[in-house]
């Protein structure tokens, strides 16, 4: 059996050919002076079988190792980084900055697309303070409701009236309004009928 015939069945990897040949030489040297064809063929078959078993074992170990590494990487990926207040604040700052930069770029692109007249109007509108800014900057606006009260006018204390009295008053006003609409009561008439 030549090496070419063995190679037809499958390929020997680097170093495997030397192992088989060394094994066969050893058997041949031990069998000098005897009929050795069967012995050498049996030894070659046995050596190749051992090589195949060893190769399968190594391949299985390699597959197991790759599987373990993949599973560990997946576990680490799904496990992620534990969320802490500092990490969240750091992420939020970078995210906010990223969004702000994106909006500014979009706004700049939109402004570039405007004609000069529209661009000038946009700048004027942009420089105007918002209602909130006006309110926060002017203490006069914050207290301006005080000027709405008239002097000498008493406030109506709703606690003086019971709920029933308020409901009765409201009902009478609604009935009077309904009669006016139907023309039953003139504007000068009162409730004393």
N, C-alpha and C. Protein backbone atom coordinates (compact mmCIF):
# COMPACT_ATOMS: atom_id res chain seq x y z
N UNK A 1 0.86 -1.17 0.00
CA UNK A 1 0.00 0.00 0.00
C UNK A 1 0.90 1.23 0.00
N UNK A 2 0.72 2.06 -0.98
CA UNK A 2 1.57 3.24 -1.09
C UNK A 2 0.88 4.43 -0.42
N UNK A 3 1.66 5.46 -0.20
CA UNK A 3 1.11 6.67 0.42
C UNK A 3 0.09 7.33 -0.50
N UNK A 4 0.24 7.15 -1.82
CA UNK A 4 -0.71 7.73 -2.75
C UNK A 4 -2.09 7.10 -2.55
N UNK A 5 -2.14 5.80 -2.28
CA UNK A 5 -3.41 5.13 -2.05
C UNK A 5 -4.06 5.66 -0.76
N UNK A 6 -3.26 5.89 0.26
CA UNK A 6 -3.77 6.41 1.52
C UNK A 6 -4.31 7.82 1.31
N UNK A 7 -3.58 8.59 0.53
CA UNK A 7 -4.00 9.96 0.28
C UNK A 7 -5.30 10.00 -0.50
N UNK A 8 -5.60 8.94 -1.29
CA UNK A 8 -6.85 8.89 -2.03
C UNK A 8 -8.05 8.78 -1.09
N UNK A 9 -7.87 8.16 0.05
CA UNK A 9 -8.95 8.00 1.02
C UNK A 9 -9.16 9.27 1.84
N UNK A 10 -8.17 10.02 2.03
CA UNK A 10 -8.24 11.24 2.82
C UNK A 10 -6.85 11.81 2.95
N UNK A 11 -6.75 13.01 3.36
CA UNK A 11 -5.44 13.63 3.43
C UNK A 11 -4.90 13.58 4.84
N UNK A 12 -3.60 13.31 4.89
CA UNK A 12 -2.92 13.36 6.18
C UNK A 12 -2.50 14.80 6.42
N UNK A 13 -2.64 15.20 7.62
CA UNK A 13 -2.26 16.56 7.97
C UNK A 13 -0.78 16.61 8.30
N UNK A 14 -0.32 17.82 8.50
CA UNK A 14 1.09 18.04 8.77
C UNK A 14 1.51 17.27 10.02
N UNK A 15 2.56 16.49 9.90
CA UNK A 15 3.07 15.73 11.04
C UNK A 15 2.48 14.34 11.15
N UNK A 16 1.29 14.10 10.60
CA UNK A 16 0.66 12.79 10.71
C UNK A 16 1.38 11.76 9.84
N UNK A 17 1.81 12.18 8.67
CA UNK A 17 2.53 11.27 7.78
C UNK A 17 3.80 10.76 8.45
N UNK A 18 4.53 11.63 9.12
CA UNK A 18 5.76 11.24 9.80
C UNK A 18 5.47 10.24 10.91
N UNK A 19 4.38 10.43 11.64
CA UNK A 19 4.02 9.52 12.73
C UNK A 19 3.74 8.13 12.18
N UNK A 20 2.97 8.05 11.08
CA UNK A 20 2.63 6.76 10.49
C UNK A 20 3.88 6.08 9.95
N UNK A 21 4.72 6.82 9.23
CA UNK A 21 5.94 6.23 8.66
C UNK A 21 6.90 5.76 9.75
N UNK A 22 7.05 6.52 10.82
CA UNK A 22 7.92 6.09 11.92
C UNK A 22 7.39 4.80 12.54
N UNK A 23 6.08 4.71 12.70
CA UNK A 23 5.47 3.52 13.27
C UNK A 23 5.71 2.31 12.36
N UNK A 24 5.55 2.51 11.04
CA UNK A 24 5.76 1.42 10.09
C UNK A 24 7.22 1.00 10.02
N UNK A 25 8.15 1.92 10.09
CA UNK A 25 9.59 1.58 10.08
C UNK A 25 9.94 0.73 11.31
N UNK A 26 9.38 1.12 12.43
CA UNK A 26 9.66 0.39 13.67
C UNK A 26 9.16 -1.06 13.55
N UNK A 27 7.94 -1.23 13.00
CA UNK A 27 7.38 -2.57 12.83
C UNK A 27 8.22 -3.36 11.82
N UNK A 28 8.65 -2.70 10.74
CA UNK A 28 9.45 -3.38 9.71
C UNK A 28 10.79 -3.82 10.27
N UNK A 29 11.42 -3.01 11.10
CA UNK A 29 12.70 -3.38 11.68
C UNK A 29 12.56 -4.55 12.64
N UNK A 30 11.43 -4.60 13.37
CA UNK A 30 11.20 -5.71 14.29
C UNK A 30 10.91 -7.01 13.53
N UNK A 31 10.36 -6.88 12.32
CA UNK A 31 9.94 -8.06 11.57
C UNK A 31 10.95 -8.50 10.52
N UNK A 32 12.18 -8.08 10.58
CA UNK A 32 13.18 -8.46 9.58
C UNK A 32 13.40 -9.97 9.67
N UNK A 33 13.34 -10.60 8.52
CA UNK A 33 13.56 -12.04 8.43
C UNK A 33 12.26 -12.82 8.49
N UNK A 34 11.16 -12.17 8.68
CA UNK A 34 9.86 -12.86 8.73
C UNK A 34 9.00 -12.33 7.58
N UNK A 35 7.87 -12.98 7.42
CA UNK A 35 6.91 -12.48 6.44
C UNK A 35 6.25 -11.25 7.06
N UNK A 36 6.52 -10.12 6.48
CA UNK A 36 6.08 -8.90 7.15
C UNK A 36 5.00 -8.12 6.43
N UNK A 37 4.55 -8.54 5.30
CA UNK A 37 3.57 -7.77 4.55
C UNK A 37 2.28 -7.61 5.36
N UNK A 38 1.79 -8.72 5.89
CA UNK A 38 0.55 -8.65 6.67
C UNK A 38 0.74 -7.81 7.93
N UNK A 39 1.88 -7.96 8.58
CA UNK A 39 2.16 -7.23 9.81
C UNK A 39 2.21 -5.74 9.54
N UNK A 40 2.90 -5.35 8.47
CA UNK A 40 3.02 -3.92 8.14
C UNK A 40 1.67 -3.36 7.74
N UNK A 41 0.90 -4.11 6.96
CA UNK A 41 -0.43 -3.64 6.55
C UNK A 41 -1.33 -3.47 7.77
N UNK A 42 -1.27 -4.44 8.69
CA UNK A 42 -2.09 -4.34 9.91
C UNK A 42 -1.65 -3.15 10.75
N UNK A 43 -0.34 -2.94 10.86
CA UNK A 43 0.19 -1.82 11.64
C UNK A 43 -0.21 -0.49 11.01
N UNK A 44 -0.17 -0.42 9.67
CA UNK A 44 -0.56 0.81 8.98
C UNK A 44 -2.04 1.10 9.22
N UNK A 45 -2.86 0.03 9.13
CA UNK A 45 -4.29 0.20 9.37
C UNK A 45 -4.54 0.67 10.79
N UNK A 46 -3.86 0.08 11.74
CA UNK A 46 -4.02 0.45 13.15
C UNK A 46 -3.55 1.89 13.40
N UNK A 47 -2.41 2.26 12.80
CA UNK A 47 -1.87 3.61 12.98
C UNK A 47 -2.83 4.65 12.39
N UNK A 48 -3.37 4.34 11.22
CA UNK A 48 -4.31 5.28 10.60
C UNK A 48 -5.61 5.37 11.41
N UNK A 49 -6.06 4.26 11.97
CA UNK A 49 -7.27 4.28 12.80
C UNK A 49 -7.03 5.14 14.04
N UNK A 50 -5.85 5.01 14.64
CA UNK A 50 -5.51 5.84 15.80
C UNK A 50 -5.46 7.32 15.42
N UNK A 51 -4.89 7.59 14.23
CA UNK A 51 -4.83 8.98 13.76
C UNK A 51 -6.24 9.55 13.59
N UNK A 52 -7.12 8.74 13.02
CA UNK A 52 -8.49 9.22 12.80
C UNK A 52 -9.19 9.48 14.12
N UNK A 53 -9.03 8.58 15.09
CA UNK A 53 -9.64 8.76 16.40
C UNK A 53 -9.07 10.01 17.08
N UNK A 54 -7.76 10.17 17.01
CA UNK A 54 -7.11 11.33 17.62
C UNK A 54 -7.56 12.63 16.94
N UNK A 55 -7.65 12.59 15.62
CA UNK A 55 -8.11 13.77 14.87
C UNK A 55 -9.55 14.12 15.27
N UNK A 56 -10.42 13.14 15.37
CA UNK A 56 -11.81 13.38 15.76
C UNK A 56 -11.88 13.95 17.18
N UNK A 57 -11.04 13.43 18.08
CA UNK A 57 -11.02 13.93 19.45
C UNK A 57 -10.58 15.40 19.48
N UNK A 58 -9.53 15.72 18.72
CA UNK A 58 -9.04 17.10 18.68
C UNK A 58 -10.09 18.05 18.08
N UNK A 59 -10.75 17.58 17.01
CA UNK A 59 -11.79 18.41 16.39
C UNK A 59 -12.94 18.65 17.36
N UNK A 60 -13.33 17.60 18.10
CA UNK A 60 -14.41 17.75 19.07
C UNK A 60 -14.00 18.72 20.18
N UNK A 61 -12.75 18.59 20.65
CA UNK A 61 -12.26 19.52 21.68
C UNK A 61 -12.27 20.96 21.16
N UNK A 62 -11.86 21.14 19.90
CA UNK A 62 -11.84 22.49 19.31
C UNK A 62 -13.27 23.03 19.18
N UNK A 63 -14.20 22.18 18.73
CA UNK A 63 -15.60 22.61 18.64
C UNK A 63 -16.15 22.97 20.01
N UNK A 64 -15.84 22.14 21.01
CA UNK A 64 -16.30 22.42 22.37
C UNK A 64 -15.74 23.75 22.88
N UNK A 65 -14.45 23.98 22.59
CA UNK A 65 -13.82 25.22 23.03
C UNK A 65 -14.48 26.43 22.36
N UNK A 66 -14.72 26.33 21.04
CA UNK A 66 -15.38 27.43 20.33
C UNK A 66 -16.79 27.67 20.86
N UNK A 67 -17.50 26.58 21.13
CA UNK A 67 -18.86 26.70 21.68
C UNK A 67 -18.84 27.38 23.03
N UNK A 68 -17.91 26.98 23.88
CA UNK A 68 -17.77 27.59 25.21
C UNK A 68 -17.46 29.08 25.09
N UNK A 69 -16.52 29.42 24.21
CA UNK A 69 -16.16 30.83 24.02
C UNK A 69 -17.35 31.64 23.52
N UNK A 70 -18.10 31.07 22.58
CA UNK A 70 -19.28 31.76 22.05
C UNK A 70 -20.32 31.96 23.15
N UNK A 71 -20.58 30.91 23.92
CA UNK A 71 -21.57 31.01 25.00
C UNK A 71 -21.14 32.03 26.05
N UNK A 72 -19.85 32.06 26.38
CA UNK A 72 -19.35 33.04 27.34
C UNK A 72 -19.49 34.46 26.79
N UNK A 73 -19.17 34.63 25.51
CA UNK A 73 -19.31 35.96 24.89
C UNK A 73 -20.78 36.39 24.86
N UNK A 74 -21.68 35.47 24.54
CA UNK A 74 -23.12 35.78 24.54
C UNK A 74 -23.60 36.13 25.94
N UNK A 75 -23.14 35.36 26.92
CA UNK A 75 -23.55 35.63 28.30
C UNK A 75 -23.05 37.01 28.73
N UNK A 76 -21.81 37.33 28.37
CA UNK A 76 -21.26 38.64 28.73
C UNK A 76 -22.02 39.76 28.01
N UNK A 77 -22.38 39.50 26.76
CA UNK A 77 -23.10 40.51 25.98
C UNK A 77 -24.49 40.75 26.56
N UNK A 78 -25.18 39.67 26.90
CA UNK A 78 -26.53 39.83 27.44
C UNK A 78 -26.50 40.31 28.88
N UNK A 79 -25.45 39.98 29.59
CA UNK A 79 -25.33 40.44 30.98
C UNK A 79 -25.11 41.94 30.99
N UNK A 80 -24.33 42.44 30.07
CA UNK A 80 -24.14 43.88 29.94
C UNK A 80 -23.42 44.50 31.11
N UNK A 81 -23.52 45.80 31.16
CA UNK A 81 -22.90 46.58 32.23
C UNK A 81 -23.97 46.92 33.25
N UNK A 82 -23.70 46.69 34.52
CA UNK A 82 -24.71 47.05 35.53
C UNK A 82 -24.97 48.56 35.50
N UNK A 83 -26.23 48.92 35.58
CA UNK A 83 -26.62 50.33 35.49
C UNK A 83 -26.49 50.99 36.85
N UNK A 84 -25.74 52.07 36.88
CA UNK A 84 -25.61 52.86 38.10
C UNK A 84 -26.04 54.28 37.77
N UNK A 85 -26.23 55.07 38.78
CA UNK A 85 -26.65 56.46 38.60
C UNK A 85 -25.60 57.23 37.79
N UNK A 86 -24.32 57.01 38.12
CA UNK A 86 -23.25 57.71 37.41
C UNK A 86 -23.20 57.33 35.94
N UNK A 87 -23.32 56.02 35.65
CA UNK A 87 -23.30 55.58 34.25
C UNK A 87 -24.49 56.14 33.49
N UNK A 88 -25.65 56.16 34.13
CA UNK A 88 -26.84 56.70 33.46
C UNK A 88 -26.66 58.19 33.18
N UNK A 89 -26.16 58.93 34.18
CA UNK A 89 -25.95 60.37 33.99
C UNK A 89 -24.96 60.63 32.86
N UNK A 90 -23.90 59.83 32.82
CA UNK A 90 -22.90 59.98 31.77
C UNK A 90 -23.53 59.70 30.40
N UNK A 91 -24.31 58.62 30.31
CA UNK A 91 -24.97 58.28 29.05
C UNK A 91 -25.95 59.38 28.66
N UNK A 92 -26.74 59.86 29.63
CA UNK A 92 -27.74 60.87 29.33
C UNK A 92 -27.10 62.15 28.81
N UNK A 93 -25.99 62.56 29.42
CA UNK A 93 -25.30 63.77 28.96
C UNK A 93 -24.82 63.60 27.52
N UNK A 94 -24.21 62.45 27.23
CA UNK A 94 -23.72 62.25 25.87
C UNK A 94 -24.88 62.13 24.89
N UNK A 95 -25.95 61.47 25.29
CA UNK A 95 -27.12 61.34 24.42
C UNK A 95 -27.76 62.69 24.15
N UNK A 96 -27.91 63.50 25.20
CA UNK A 96 -28.49 64.83 25.05
C UNK A 96 -27.63 65.69 24.13
N UNK A 97 -26.31 65.62 24.33
CA UNK A 97 -25.41 66.39 23.47
C UNK A 97 -25.51 65.92 22.02
N UNK A 98 -25.61 64.63 21.82
CA UNK A 98 -25.73 64.08 20.47
C UNK A 98 -27.03 64.55 19.80
N UNK A 99 -28.12 64.50 20.54
CA UNK A 99 -29.41 64.93 19.99
C UNK A 99 -29.38 66.43 19.70
N UNK A 100 -28.81 67.21 20.62
CA UNK A 100 -28.73 68.65 20.43
C UNK A 100 -27.92 68.97 19.17
N UNK A 101 -26.78 68.29 19.00
CA UNK A 101 -25.95 68.52 17.82
C UNK A 101 -26.70 68.15 16.54
N UNK A 102 -27.43 67.06 16.60
CA UNK A 102 -28.20 66.63 15.43
C UNK A 102 -29.28 67.66 15.08
N UNK A 103 -29.99 68.16 16.10
CA UNK A 103 -31.04 69.16 15.86
C UNK A 103 -30.45 70.45 15.31
N UNK A 104 -29.31 70.87 15.88
CA UNK A 104 -28.67 72.10 15.40
C UNK A 104 -28.25 71.96 13.94
N UNK A 105 -27.70 70.80 13.60
CA UNK A 105 -27.29 70.57 12.22
C UNK A 105 -28.50 70.60 11.29
N UNK A 106 -29.59 69.94 11.70
CA UNK A 106 -30.81 69.96 10.88
C UNK A 106 -31.34 71.38 10.73
N UNK A 107 -31.29 72.14 11.82
CA UNK A 107 -31.77 73.53 11.79
C UNK A 107 -30.90 74.37 10.86
N UNK A 108 -29.58 74.17 10.93
CA UNK A 108 -28.68 74.91 10.05
C UNK A 108 -28.93 74.56 8.58
N UNK A 109 -29.15 73.27 8.32
CA UNK A 109 -29.43 72.86 6.94
C UNK A 109 -30.74 73.47 6.45
N UNK A 110 -31.74 73.52 7.33
CA UNK A 110 -33.03 74.09 6.96
C UNK A 110 -32.89 75.59 6.69
N UNK A 111 -32.10 76.28 7.53
CA UNK A 111 -31.90 77.72 7.35
C UNK A 111 -31.13 78.00 6.07
N UNK A 112 -30.16 77.15 5.75
CA UNK A 112 -29.40 77.35 4.51
C UNK A 112 -30.29 77.24 3.29
N UNK A 113 -31.34 76.44 3.40
CA UNK A 113 -32.24 76.25 2.26
C UNK A 113 -33.19 77.44 2.07
N UNK A 114 -33.31 78.31 3.07
CA UNK A 114 -34.21 79.46 2.97
C UNK A 114 -33.58 80.55 2.11
N UNK A 115 -34.44 81.36 1.50
CA UNK A 115 -33.91 82.50 0.74
C UNK A 115 -33.52 83.59 1.75
N UNK A 116 -32.76 84.61 1.34
CA UNK A 116 -32.25 85.61 2.30
C UNK A 116 -33.34 86.31 3.11
N UNK A 117 -34.47 86.63 2.50
CA UNK A 117 -35.54 87.32 3.22
C UNK A 117 -36.10 86.42 4.32
N UNK A 118 -36.39 85.17 3.98
CA UNK A 118 -36.91 84.23 4.97
C UNK A 118 -35.88 83.97 6.07
N UNK A 119 -34.61 83.93 5.68
CA UNK A 119 -33.54 83.70 6.65
C UNK A 119 -33.49 84.84 7.67
N UNK A 120 -33.67 86.09 7.20
CA UNK A 120 -33.66 87.24 8.10
C UNK A 120 -34.86 87.19 9.04
N UNK A 121 -36.03 86.83 8.52
CA UNK A 121 -37.22 86.69 9.37
C UNK A 121 -37.00 85.62 10.44
N UNK A 122 -36.39 84.53 10.03
CA UNK A 122 -36.12 83.43 10.97
C UNK A 122 -35.19 83.91 12.09
N UNK A 123 -34.15 84.66 11.74
CA UNK A 123 -33.22 85.16 12.76
C UNK A 123 -33.92 86.09 13.74
N UNK A 124 -34.80 86.97 13.22
CA UNK A 124 -35.54 87.88 14.11
C UNK A 124 -36.44 87.09 15.06
N UNK A 125 -37.12 86.09 14.52
CA UNK A 125 -37.99 85.27 15.35
C UNK A 125 -37.19 84.49 16.38
N UNK A 126 -36.03 84.04 16.00
CA UNK A 126 -35.17 83.25 16.89
C UNK A 126 -34.66 84.11 18.05
N UNK A 127 -34.41 85.40 17.79
CA UNK A 127 -33.88 86.28 18.83
C UNK A 127 -34.96 86.77 19.79
N UNK A 128 -36.23 86.67 19.42
CA UNK A 128 -37.32 87.10 20.30
C UNK A 128 -37.40 86.20 21.52
N UNK A 129 -37.60 86.79 22.70
CA UNK A 129 -37.73 85.94 23.90
C UNK A 129 -39.08 85.24 23.91
N UNK A 130 -39.09 84.07 24.50
CA UNK A 130 -40.34 83.32 24.62
C UNK A 130 -41.16 83.90 25.76
N UNK A 131 -42.40 83.49 25.86
CA UNK A 131 -43.26 83.95 26.96
C UNK A 131 -42.69 83.55 28.31
N UNK A 132 -42.17 82.38 28.38
CA UNK A 132 -41.58 81.92 29.64
C UNK A 132 -40.39 82.79 30.02
N UNK A 133 -39.53 83.09 29.03
CA UNK A 133 -38.37 83.94 29.32
C UNK A 133 -38.81 85.32 29.78
N UNK A 134 -39.83 85.86 29.14
CA UNK A 134 -40.34 87.16 29.57
C UNK A 134 -40.86 87.10 31.00
N UNK A 135 -41.62 86.08 31.30
CA UNK A 135 -42.20 85.93 32.63
C UNK A 135 -41.10 85.79 33.69
N UNK A 136 -40.10 84.98 33.39
CA UNK A 136 -39.03 84.76 34.36
C UNK A 136 -38.14 85.98 34.54
N UNK A 137 -38.00 86.78 33.49
CA UNK A 137 -37.09 87.93 33.59
C UNK A 137 -37.76 89.17 34.18
N UNK A 138 -39.06 89.27 34.13
CA UNK A 138 -39.74 90.48 34.59
C UNK A 138 -40.52 90.19 35.86
N UNK A 139 -40.10 90.81 36.95
CA UNK A 139 -40.83 90.62 38.21
C UNK A 139 -42.16 91.36 38.16
N UNK A 140 -42.28 92.37 37.31
CA UNK A 140 -43.54 93.11 37.19
C UNK A 140 -44.63 92.20 36.62
N UNK A 141 -44.26 91.35 35.68
CA UNK A 141 -45.25 90.44 35.11
C UNK A 141 -45.70 89.40 36.13
N UNK A 142 -44.81 89.01 37.00
CA UNK A 142 -45.16 88.00 38.00
C UNK A 142 -46.18 88.53 38.99
N UNK A 143 -46.17 89.84 39.25
CA UNK A 143 -47.10 90.43 40.22
C UNK A 143 -48.17 91.27 39.54
N UNK A 144 -48.28 91.19 38.22
CA UNK A 144 -49.20 92.07 37.50
C UNK A 144 -50.67 91.75 37.77
N UNK A 145 -51.01 90.58 38.24
CA UNK A 145 -52.41 90.25 38.53
C UNK A 145 -52.95 91.08 39.69
N UNK A 146 -52.10 91.57 40.54
CA UNK A 146 -52.56 92.38 41.67
C UNK A 146 -53.25 93.65 41.21
N UNK A 147 -52.89 94.18 40.07
CA UNK A 147 -53.49 95.40 39.54
C UNK A 147 -54.89 95.17 39.00
N UNK A 148 -55.31 93.95 38.85
CA UNK A 148 -56.64 93.66 38.32
C UNK A 148 -57.73 93.85 39.37
N UNK A 149 -57.36 93.85 40.63
CA UNK A 149 -58.36 94.01 41.68
C UNK A 149 -58.75 95.48 41.80
N UNK A 150 -60.04 95.74 41.90
CA UNK A 150 -60.53 97.10 42.07
C UNK A 150 -60.54 97.44 43.55
N UNK A 151 -60.27 98.69 43.84
CA UNK A 151 -60.27 99.10 45.24
C UNK A 151 -61.70 99.31 45.71
N UNK A 152 -61.97 98.97 46.93
CA UNK A 152 -63.28 99.19 47.52
C UNK A 152 -64.29 98.10 47.18
N UNK A 153 -63.91 97.12 46.43
CA UNK A 153 -64.84 96.04 46.08
C UNK A 153 -64.60 94.88 47.03
N UNK A 154 -65.68 94.40 47.58
CA UNK A 154 -65.55 93.27 48.49
C UNK A 154 -65.58 91.98 47.70
N UNK A 155 -64.82 91.06 48.17
CA UNK A 155 -64.86 89.74 47.55
C UNK A 155 -66.07 89.00 48.07
N UNK A 156 -66.63 88.17 47.24
CA UNK A 156 -67.78 87.37 47.65
C UNK A 156 -67.25 86.14 48.36
N UNK A 157 -67.73 85.94 49.56
CA UNK A 157 -67.32 84.76 50.32
C UNK A 157 -68.30 83.64 50.02
N UNK A 158 -67.86 82.68 49.29
CA UNK A 158 -68.74 81.59 48.88
C UNK A 158 -69.13 80.69 50.06
N UNK A 159 -68.40 80.80 51.14
CA UNK A 159 -68.75 79.98 52.30
C UNK A 159 -70.06 80.43 52.94
N UNK A 160 -70.50 81.65 52.64
CA UNK A 160 -71.76 82.15 53.20
C UNK A 160 -72.95 81.39 52.64
N UNK A 161 -72.80 80.87 51.46
CA UNK A 161 -73.91 80.19 50.80
C UNK A 161 -73.74 78.69 50.94
N UNK A 162 -74.85 78.04 51.12
CA UNK A 162 -74.80 76.58 51.13
C UNK A 162 -74.89 76.09 49.70
N UNK A 163 -74.62 74.87 49.54
CA UNK A 163 -74.66 74.29 48.20
C UNK A 163 -76.09 74.36 47.65
N UNK A 164 -77.05 74.09 48.49
CA UNK A 164 -78.45 74.13 48.05
C UNK A 164 -78.83 75.53 47.58
N UNK A 165 -78.38 76.56 48.31
CA UNK A 165 -78.70 77.93 47.92
C UNK A 165 -78.07 78.27 46.57
N UNK A 166 -76.84 77.84 46.38
CA UNK A 166 -76.18 78.10 45.09
C UNK A 166 -76.91 77.40 43.96
N UNK A 167 -77.31 76.16 44.19
CA UNK A 167 -78.05 75.42 43.16
C UNK A 167 -79.39 76.08 42.86
N UNK A 168 -80.10 76.53 43.90
CA UNK A 168 -81.40 77.20 43.72
C UNK A 168 -81.22 78.50 42.92
N UNK A 169 -80.19 79.27 43.24
CA UNK A 169 -79.90 80.51 42.53
C UNK A 169 -79.58 80.23 41.07
N UNK A 170 -78.79 79.24 40.82
CA UNK A 170 -78.43 78.87 39.45
C UNK A 170 -79.66 78.41 38.68
N UNK A 171 -80.52 77.60 39.30
CA UNK A 171 -81.74 77.11 38.66
C UNK A 171 -82.66 78.27 38.29
N UNK A 172 -82.82 79.24 39.20
CA UNK A 172 -83.68 80.41 38.93
C UNK A 172 -83.13 81.21 37.76
N UNK A 173 -81.81 81.40 37.71
CA UNK A 173 -81.20 82.16 36.61
C UNK A 173 -81.42 81.44 35.29
N UNK A 174 -81.30 80.14 35.29
CA UNK A 174 -81.51 79.38 34.06
C UNK A 174 -82.96 79.46 33.60
N UNK A 175 -83.89 79.36 34.54
CA UNK A 175 -85.32 79.45 34.19
C UNK A 175 -85.64 80.82 33.62
N UNK A 176 -85.10 81.87 34.25
CA UNK A 176 -85.35 83.23 33.77
C UNK A 176 -84.77 83.41 32.37
N UNK A 177 -83.60 82.89 32.14
CA UNK A 177 -82.97 82.98 30.83
C UNK A 177 -83.81 82.24 29.80
N UNK A 178 -84.33 81.10 30.18
CA UNK A 178 -85.17 80.31 29.27
C UNK A 178 -86.45 81.07 28.93
N UNK A 179 -87.09 81.72 29.91
CA UNK A 179 -88.31 82.50 29.66
C UNK A 179 -88.00 83.69 28.75
N UNK A 180 -86.86 84.33 28.95
CA UNK A 180 -86.48 85.46 28.08
C UNK A 180 -86.34 84.99 26.64
N UNK A 181 -85.72 83.87 26.47
CA UNK A 181 -85.54 83.36 25.11
C UNK A 181 -86.88 83.06 24.45
N UNK A 182 -87.81 82.58 25.20
CA UNK A 182 -89.12 82.25 24.64
C UNK A 182 -90.03 83.47 24.55
N UNK A 183 -89.61 84.57 25.15
CA UNK A 183 -90.40 85.79 25.08
C UNK A 183 -91.48 85.87 26.13
N UNK A 184 -91.39 85.06 27.16
CA UNK A 184 -92.41 85.06 28.20
C UNK A 184 -92.22 86.20 29.18
N UNK A 185 -90.99 86.64 29.39
CA UNK A 185 -90.70 87.69 30.36
C UNK A 185 -89.98 88.80 29.63
N UNK A 186 -90.39 90.04 29.85
CA UNK A 186 -89.69 91.18 29.27
C UNK A 186 -88.45 91.46 30.10
N UNK A 187 -87.52 92.18 29.51
CA UNK A 187 -86.27 92.47 30.21
C UNK A 187 -86.51 93.28 31.47
N UNK A 188 -87.56 94.09 31.52
CA UNK A 188 -87.84 94.94 32.67
C UNK A 188 -88.53 94.18 33.79
N UNK A 189 -89.16 93.04 33.50
CA UNK A 189 -89.87 92.28 34.53
C UNK A 189 -88.89 91.64 35.49
N UNK A 190 -89.41 91.31 36.65
CA UNK A 190 -88.56 90.65 37.64
C UNK A 190 -89.14 89.29 37.95
N UNK A 191 -88.63 88.67 38.96
CA UNK A 191 -89.07 87.35 39.37
C UNK A 191 -90.37 87.40 40.15
N UNK A 192 -90.86 88.56 40.52
CA UNK A 192 -92.03 88.69 41.39
C UNK A 192 -93.31 88.63 40.57
N UNK A 193 -93.77 87.53 40.15
CA UNK A 193 -94.99 87.39 39.36
C UNK A 193 -96.11 86.90 40.19
